[in-house]
Amino acid sequence: MLGLIWTIQVISAILLIVLILIHSPKGDGIAGIGGSAQLFTSQKGAEKNLNKITAVVTVVFTVCVFLLGFGLVH
């Protein structure tokens, strides 16, 4: 069981890195502080799906970290 959790964690970590690198940059940097950032931008379908997949992989990774970190899996 421990090996399975480790495998899921490593795969989700690699997927998370790749998914985050695929995201398009949205930040305006320091311009966001002054209020000149675009607040009302629409997301395209592919970007919404990418956000959902990234959120799911993040939850899987976080659950694996807690399971392994607190020793809940032997």
PDB file of N, CA and C in Angstrom:
ATOM      1  N   MET A   1       0.827  -1.198   0.000  1.00  0.00           N
ATOM      2  CA  MET A   1       0.000   0.000   0.000  1.00  0.00           C
ATOM      3  C   MET A   1       0.868   1.257   0.000  1.00  0.00           C
ATOM      4  N   LEU A   2       1.949   1.201   0.771  1.00  0.00           N
ATOM      5  CA  LEU A   2       2.848   2.354   0.846  1.00  0.00           C
ATOM      6  C   LEU A   2       3.479   2.664  -0.510  1.00  0.00           C
ATOM      7  N   GLY A   3       3.848   1.604  -1.223  1.00  0.00           N
ATOM      8  CA  GLY A   3       4.436   1.791  -2.551  1.00  0.00           C
ATOM      9  C   GLY A   3       3.455   2.403  -3.536  1.00  0.00           C
ATOM     10  N   LEU A   4       2.194   2.015  -3.413  1.00  0.00           N
ATOM     11  CA  LEU A   4       1.167   2.575  -4.290  1.00  0.00           C
ATOM     12  C   LEU A   4       0.977   4.071  -4.034  1.00  0.00           C
ATOM     13  N   ILE A   5       0.933   4.452  -2.765  1.00  0.00           N
ATOM     14  CA  ILE A   5       0.776   5.877  -2.428  1.00  0.00           C
ATOM     15  C   ILE A   5       1.974   6.678  -2.913  1.00  0.00           C
ATOM     16  N   TRP A   6       3.174   6.129  -2.752  1.00  0.00           N
ATOM     17  CA  TRP A   6       4.372   6.819  -3.240  1.00  0.00           C
ATOM     18  C   TRP A   6       4.328   6.985  -4.759  1.00  0.00           C
ATOM     19  N   THR A   7       3.898   5.949  -5.449  1.00  0.00           N
ATOM     20  CA  THR A   7       3.810   6.017  -6.908  1.00  0.00           C
ATOM     21  C   THR A   7       2.796   7.066  -7.341  1.00  0.00           C
ATOM     22  N   ILE A   8       1.639   7.082  -6.692  1.00  0.00           N
ATOM     23  CA  ILE A   8       0.630   8.092  -7.015  1.00  0.00           C
ATOM     24  C   ILE A   8       1.155   9.491  -6.729  1.00  0.00           C
ATOM     25  N   GLN A   9       1.890   9.649  -5.643  1.00  0.00           N
ATOM     26  CA  GLN A   9       2.420  10.967  -5.300  1.00  0.00           C
ATOM     27  C   GLN A   9       3.440  11.444  -6.335  1.00  0.00           C
ATOM     28  N   VAL A  10       4.329  10.563  -6.754  1.00  0.00           N
ATOM     29  CA  VAL A  10       5.347  10.957  -7.735  1.00  0.00           C
ATOM     30  C   VAL A  10       4.699  11.297  -9.076  1.00  0.00           C
ATOM     31  N   ILE A  11       3.746  10.480  -9.502  1.00  0.00           N
ATOM     32  CA  ILE A  11       3.062  10.748 -10.777  1.00  0.00           C
ATOM     33  C   ILE A  11       2.280  12.056 -10.702  1.00  0.00           C
ATOM     34  N   SER A  12       1.576  12.280  -9.586  1.00  0.00           N
ATOM     35  CA  SER A  12       0.811  13.524  -9.461  1.00  0.00           C
ATOM     36  C   SER A  12       1.736  14.732  -9.361  1.00  0.00           C
ATOM     37  N   ALA A  13       2.898  14.572  -8.746  1.00  0.00           N
ATOM     38  CA  ALA A  13       3.851  15.688  -8.674  1.00  0.00           C
ATOM     39  C   ALA A  13       4.364  16.064 -10.062  1.00  0.00           C
ATOM     40  N   ILE A  14       4.694  15.064 -10.858  1.00  0.00           N
ATOM     41  CA  ILE A  14       5.169  15.330 -12.222  1.00  0.00           C
ATOM     42  C   ILE A  14       4.054  15.953 -13.062  1.00  0.00           C
ATOM     43  N   LEU A  15       2.841  15.410 -12.944  1.00  0.00           N
ATOM     44  CA  LEU A  15       1.702  15.984 -13.672  1.00  0.00           C
ATOM     45  C   LEU A  15       1.431  17.424 -13.251  1.00  0.00           C
ATOM     46  N   LEU A  16       1.547  17.684 -11.957  1.00  0.00           N
ATOM     47  CA  LEU A  16       1.304  19.026 -11.454  1.00  0.00           C
ATOM     48  C   LEU A  16       2.319  20.025 -12.015  1.00  0.00           C
ATOM     49  N   ILE A  17       3.565  19.626 -12.070  1.00  0.00           N
ATOM     50  CA  ILE A  17       4.603  20.491 -12.649  1.00  0.00           C
ATOM     51  C   ILE A  17       4.296  20.780 -14.114  1.00  0.00           C
ATOM     52  N   VAL A  18       3.955  19.748 -14.868  1.00  0.00           N
ATOM     53  CA  VAL A  18       3.670  19.922 -16.294  1.00  0.00           C
ATOM     54  C   VAL A  18       2.433  20.791 -16.499  1.00  0.00           C
ATOM     55  N   LEU A  19       1.371  20.537 -15.725  1.00  0.00           N
ATOM     56  CA  LEU A  19       0.139  21.319 -15.882  1.00  0.00           C
ATOM     57  C   LEU A  19       0.351  22.787 -15.539  1.00  0.00           C
ATOM     58  N   ILE A  20       1.125  23.060 -14.505  1.00  0.00           N
ATOM     59  CA  ILE A  20       1.383  24.456 -14.139  1.00  0.00           C
ATOM     60  C   ILE A  20       2.200  25.147 -15.220  1.00  0.00           C
ATOM     61  N   LEU A  21       3.132  24.441 -15.822  1.00  0.00           N
ATOM     62  CA  LEU A  21       3.931  25.054 -16.891  1.00  0.00           C
ATOM     63  C   LEU A  21       3.114  25.283 -18.157  1.00  0.00           C
ATOM     64  N   ILE A  22       2.056  24.496 -18.357  1.00  0.00           N
ATOM     65  CA  ILE A  22       1.206  24.668 -19.542  1.00  0.00           C
ATOM     66  C   ILE A  22       0.319  25.907 -19.421  1.00  0.00           C
ATOM     67  N   HIS A  23      -0.036  26.283 -18.201  1.00  0.00           N
ATOM     68  CA  HIS A  23      -0.927  27.431 -18.002  1.00  0.00           C
ATOM     69  C   HIS A  23      -0.368  28.691 -18.652  1.00  0.00           C
ATOM     70  N   SER A  24      -1.276  29.495 -19.177  1.00  0.00           N
ATOM     71  CA  SER A  24      -0.857  30.763 -19.760  1.00  0.00           C
ATOM     72  C   SER A  24      -0.645  31.779 -18.639  1.00  0.00           C
ATOM     73  N   PRO A  25       0.370  32.612 -18.784  1.00  0.00           N
ATOM     74  CA  PRO A  25       0.620  33.602 -17.723  1.00  0.00           C
ATOM     75  C   PRO A  25      -0.484  34.643 -17.684  1.00  0.00           C
ATOM     76  N   LYS A  26      -1.043  34.865 -16.496  1.00  0.00           N
ATOM     77  CA  LYS A  26      -2.138  35.816 -16.348  1.00  0.00           C
ATOM     78  C   LYS A  26      -1.744  37.008 -15.502  1.00  0.00           C
ATOM     79  N   GLY A  27      -0.668  36.878 -14.786  1.00  0.00           N
ATOM     80  CA  GLY A  27      -0.283  37.926 -13.848  1.00  0.00           C
ATOM     81  C   GLY A  27       0.225  39.170 -14.541  1.00  0.00           C
ATOM     82  N   ASP A  28      -0.122  40.295 -13.973  1.00  0.00           N
ATOM     83  CA  ASP A  28       0.370  41.562 -14.493  1.00  0.00           C
ATOM     84  C   ASP A  28       1.550  42.066 -13.678  1.00  0.00           C
ATOM     85  N   GLY A  29       2.048  41.214 -12.802  1.00  0.00           N
ATOM     86  CA  GLY A  29       3.183  41.614 -11.983  1.00  0.00           C
ATOM     87  C   GLY A  29       2.818  42.719 -11.013  1.00  0.00           C
ATOM     88  N   ILE A  30       3.651  43.699 -10.928  1.00  0.00           N
ATOM     89  CA  ILE A  30       3.456  44.805  -9.985  1.00  0.00           C
ATOM     90  C   ILE A  30       2.297  45.706 -10.417  1.00  0.00           C
ATOM     91  N   ALA A  31       1.891  45.630 -11.673  1.00  0.00           N
ATOM     92  CA  ALA A  31       0.779  46.456 -12.150  1.00  0.00           C
ATOM     93  C   ALA A  31      -0.537  46.033 -11.504  1.00  0.00           C
ATOM     94  N   GLY A  32      -0.620  44.798 -11.031  1.00  0.00           N
ATOM     95  CA  GLY A  32      -1.831  44.335 -10.380  1.00  0.00           C
ATOM     96  C   GLY A  32      -2.098  45.043  -9.069  1.00  0.00           C
ATOM     97  N   ILE A  33      -1.084  45.567  -8.441  1.00  0.00           N
ATOM     98  CA  ILE A  33      -1.253  46.250  -7.159  1.00  0.00           C
ATOM     99  C   ILE A  33      -1.939  47.601  -7.368  1.00  0.00           C
ATOM    100  N   GLY A  34      -1.593  48.279  -8.426  1.00  0.00           N
ATOM    101  CA  GLY A  34      -2.132  49.613  -8.677  1.00  0.00           C
ATOM    102  C   GLY A  34      -3.536  49.619  -9.232  1.00  0.00           C
ATOM    103  N   GLY A  35      -4.099  48.479  -9.492  1.00  0.00           N
ATOM    104  CA  GLY A  35      -5.465  48.431  -9.992  1.00  0.00           C
ATOM    105  C   GLY A  35      -5.571  48.451 -11.498  1.00  0.00           C
ATOM    106  N   SER A  36      -4.437  48.414 -12.189  1.00  0.00           N
ATOM    107  CA  SER A  36      -4.512  48.447 -13.645  1.00  0.00           C
ATOM    108  C   SER A  36      -4.590  47.054 -14.249  1.00  0.00           C
ATOM    109  N   ALA A  37      -4.705  46.044 -13.416  1.00  0.00           N
ATOM    110  CA  ALA A  37      -4.841  44.680 -13.921  1.00  0.00           C
ATOM    111  C   ALA A  37      -6.244  44.464 -14.455  1.00  0.00           C
ATOM    112  N   GLN A  38      -6.366  43.553 -15.382  1.00  0.00           N
ATOM    113  CA  GLN A  38      -7.682  43.242 -15.930  1.00  0.00           C
ATOM    114  C   GLN A  38      -8.398  42.327 -14.942  1.00  0.00           C
ATOM    115  N   LEU A  39      -9.468  42.816 -14.376  1.00  0.00           N
ATOM    116  CA  LEU A  39     -10.181  42.049 -13.367  1.00  0.00           C
ATOM    117  C   LEU A  39     -11.213  41.119 -13.979  1.00  0.00           C
ATOM    118  N   PHE A  40     -11.797  41.528 -15.065  1.00  0.00           N
ATOM    119  CA  PHE A  40     -12.884  40.756 -15.654  1.00  0.00           C
ATOM    120  C   PHE A  40     -12.442  40.163 -16.978  1.00  0.00           C
ATOM    121  N   THR A  41     -11.672  39.096 -16.888  1.00  0.00           N
ATOM    122  CA  THR A  41     -11.235  38.416 -18.097  1.00  0.00           C
ATOM    123  C   THR A  41     -11.995  37.104 -18.203  1.00  0.00           C
ATOM    124  N   SER A  42     -12.366  36.753 -19.400  1.00  0.00           N
ATOM    125  CA  SER A  42     -13.095  35.502 -19.593  1.00  0.00           C
ATOM    126  C   SER A  42     -12.101  34.376 -19.853  1.00  0.00           C
ATOM    127  N   GLN A  43     -12.475  33.187 -19.425  1.00  0.00           N
ATOM    128  CA  GLN A  43     -11.642  32.025 -19.657  1.00  0.00           C
ATOM    129  C   GLN A  43     -12.212  31.214 -20.808  1.00  0.00           C
ATOM    130  N   LYS A  44     -11.345  30.700 -21.630  1.00  0.00           N
ATOM    131  CA  LYS A  44     -11.776  29.846 -22.720  1.00  0.00           C
ATOM    132  C   LYS A  44     -12.023  28.445 -22.188  1.00  0.00           C
ATOM    133  N   GLY A  45     -12.694  27.628 -22.970  1.00  0.00           N
ATOM    134  CA  GLY A  45     -13.047  26.277 -22.560  1.00  0.00           C
ATOM    135  C   GLY A  45     -11.847  25.418 -22.203  1.00  0.00           C
ATOM    136  N   ALA A  46     -10.818  25.480 -23.028  1.00  0.00           N
ATOM    137  CA  ALA A  46      -9.629  24.672 -22.766  1.00  0.00           C
ATOM    138  C   ALA A  46      -8.947  25.107 -21.478  1.00  0.00           C
ATOM    139  N   GLU A  47      -8.940  26.397 -21.214  1.00  0.00           N
ATOM    140  CA  GLU A  47      -8.308  26.905 -20.000  1.00  0.00           C
ATOM    141  C   GLU A  47      -9.105  26.514 -18.755  1.00  0.00           C
ATOM    142  N   LYS A  48     -10.422  26.510 -18.872  1.00  0.00           N
ATOM    143  CA  LYS A  48     -11.249  26.068 -17.744  1.00  0.00           C
ATOM    144  C   LYS A  48     -10.993  24.605 -17.426  1.00  0.00           C
ATOM    145  N   ASN A  49     -10.918  23.781 -18.471  1.00  0.00           N
ATOM    146  CA  ASN A  49     -10.640  22.361 -18.270  1.00  0.00           C
ATOM    147  C   ASN A  49      -9.250  22.153 -17.669  1.00  0.00           C
ATOM    148  N   LEU A  50      -8.301  22.926 -18.111  1.00  0.00           N
ATOM    149  CA  LEU A  50      -6.944  22.836 -17.570  1.00  0.00           C
ATOM    150  C   LEU A  50      -6.924  23.213 -16.090  1.00  0.00           C
ATOM    151  N   ASN A  51      -7.699  24.230 -15.736  1.00  0.00           N
ATOM    152  CA  ASN A  51      -7.792  24.627 -14.331  1.00  0.00           C
ATOM    153  C   ASN A  51      -8.424  23.522 -13.480  1.00  0.00           C
ATOM    154  N   LYS A  52      -9.461  22.870 -14.010  1.00  0.00           N
ATOM    155  CA  LYS A  52     -10.126  21.794 -13.275  1.00  0.00           C
ATOM    156  C   LYS A  52      -9.187  20.599 -13.093  1.00  0.00           C
ATOM    157  N   ILE A  53      -8.482  20.231 -14.150  1.00  0.00           N
ATOM    158  CA  ILE A  53      -7.556  19.103 -14.066  1.00  0.00           C
ATOM    159  C   ILE A  53      -6.441  19.415 -13.079  1.00  0.00           C
ATOM    160  N   THR A  54      -5.924  20.635 -13.123  1.00  0.00           N
ATOM    161  CA  THR A  54      -4.876  21.035 -12.187  1.00  0.00           C
ATOM    162  C   THR A  54      -5.375  20.975 -10.752  1.00  0.00           C
ATOM    163  N   ALA A  55      -6.604  21.392 -10.518  1.00  0.00           N
ATOM    164  CA  ALA A  55      -7.166  21.347  -9.167  1.00  0.00           C
ATOM    165  C   ALA A  55      -7.305  19.903  -8.677  1.00  0.00           C
ATOM    166  N   VAL A  56      -7.747  19.003  -9.545  1.00  0.00           N
ATOM    167  CA  VAL A  56      -7.898  17.598  -9.161  1.00  0.00           C
ATOM    168  C   VAL A  56      -6.540  16.977  -8.841  1.00  0.00           C
ATOM    169  N   VAL A  57      -5.556  17.234  -9.679  1.00  0.00           N
ATOM    170  CA  VAL A  57      -4.218  16.690  -9.439  1.00  0.00           C
ATOM    171  C   VAL A  57      -3.627  17.271  -8.154  1.00  0.00           C
ATOM    172  N   THR A  58      -3.907  18.538  -7.876  1.00  0.00           N
ATOM    173  CA  THR A  58      -3.435  19.152  -6.638  1.00  0.00           C
ATOM    174  C   THR A  58      -4.049  18.480  -5.419  1.00  0.00           C
ATOM    175  N   VAL A  59      -5.334  18.173  -5.487  1.00  0.00           N
ATOM    176  CA  VAL A  59      -5.997  17.494  -4.363  1.00  0.00           C
ATOM    177  C   VAL A  59      -5.416  16.097  -4.170  1.00  0.00           C
ATOM    178  N   VAL A  60      -5.198  15.366  -5.254  1.00  0.00           N
ATOM    179  CA  VAL A  60      -4.612  14.021  -5.164  1.00  0.00           C
ATOM    180  C   VAL A  60      -3.228  14.100  -4.534  1.00  0.00           C
ATOM    181  N   PHE A  61      -2.411  15.047  -4.977  1.00  0.00           N
ATOM    182  CA  PHE A  61      -1.067  15.213  -4.433  1.00  0.00           C
ATOM    183  C   PHE A  61      -1.120  15.560  -2.945  1.00  0.00           C
ATOM    184  N   THR A  62      -2.011  16.467  -2.568  1.00  0.00           N
ATOM    185  CA  THR A  62      -2.130  16.887  -1.176  1.00  0.00           C
ATOM    186  C   THR A  62      -2.580  15.737  -0.278  1.00  0.00           C
ATOM    187  N   VAL A  63      -3.527  14.939  -0.742  1.00  0.00           N
ATOM    188  CA  VAL A  63      -3.982  13.786   0.039  1.00  0.00           C
ATOM    189  C   VAL A  63      -2.839  12.792   0.234  1.00  0.00           C
ATOM    190  N   CYS A  64      -2.068  12.556  -0.807  1.00  0.00           N
ATOM    191  CA  CYS A  64      -0.918  11.652  -0.690  1.00  0.00           C
ATOM    192  C   CYS A  64       0.109  12.189   0.296  1.00  0.00           C
ATOM    193  N   VAL A  65       0.355  13.488   0.265  1.00  0.00           N
ATOM    194  CA  VAL A  65       1.304  14.094   1.202  1.00  0.00           C
ATOM    195  C   VAL A  65       0.834  13.904   2.632  1.00  0.00           C
ATOM    196  N   PHE A  66      -0.451  14.129   2.896  1.00  0.00           N
ATOM    197  CA  PHE A  66      -0.972  13.955   4.251  1.00  0.00           C
ATOM    198  C   PHE A  66      -0.918  12.491   4.686  1.00  0.00           C
ATOM    199  N   LEU A  67      -1.276  11.593   3.786  1.00  0.00           N
ATOM    200  CA  LEU A  67      -1.236  10.179   4.136  1.00  0.00           C
ATOM    201  C   LEU A  67       0.178   9.720   4.487  1.00  0.00           C
ATOM    202  N   LEU A  68       1.143  10.153   3.677  1.00  0.00           N
ATOM    203  CA  LEU A  68       2.519   9.759   3.928  1.00  0.00           C
ATOM    204  C   LEU A  68       3.149  10.526   5.081  1.00  0.00           C
ATOM    205  N   GLY A  69       2.814  11.797   5.197  1.00  0.00           N
ATOM    206  CA  GLY A  69       3.408  12.632   6.225  1.00  0.00           C
ATOM    207  C   GLY A  69       2.959  12.305   7.629  1.00  0.00           C
ATOM    208  N   PHE A  70       1.696  11.968   7.794  1.00  0.00           N
ATOM    209  CA  PHE A  70       1.189  11.643   9.114  1.00  0.00           C
ATOM    210  C   PHE A  70       1.269  10.164   9.422  1.00  0.00           C
ATOM    211  N   GLY A  71       1.814   9.389   8.494  1.00  0.00           N
ATOM    212  CA  GLY A  71       1.996   7.972   8.720  1.00  0.00           C
ATOM    213  C   GLY A  71       0.705   7.182   8.773  1.00  0.00           C
ATOM    214  N   LEU A  72      -0.288   7.614   8.039  1.00  0.00           N
ATOM    215  CA  LEU A  72      -1.579   6.931   8.051  1.00  0.00           C
ATOM    216  C   LEU A  72      -1.572   5.664   7.200  1.00  0.00           C
ATOM    217  N   VAL A  73      -0.545   5.520   6.375  1.00  0.00           N
ATOM    218  CA  VAL A  73      -0.434   4.338   5.526  1.00  0.00           C
ATOM    219  C   VAL A  73       0.791   3.551   5.974  1.00  0.00           C
ATOM    220  N   HIS A  74       0.616   2.271   6.215  1.00  0.00           N
ATOM    221  CA  HIS A  74       1.734   1.441   6.670  1.00  0.00           C
ATOM    222  C   HIS A  74       2.089   0.432   5.624  1.00  0.00           C
TER     223      HIS A  74
END
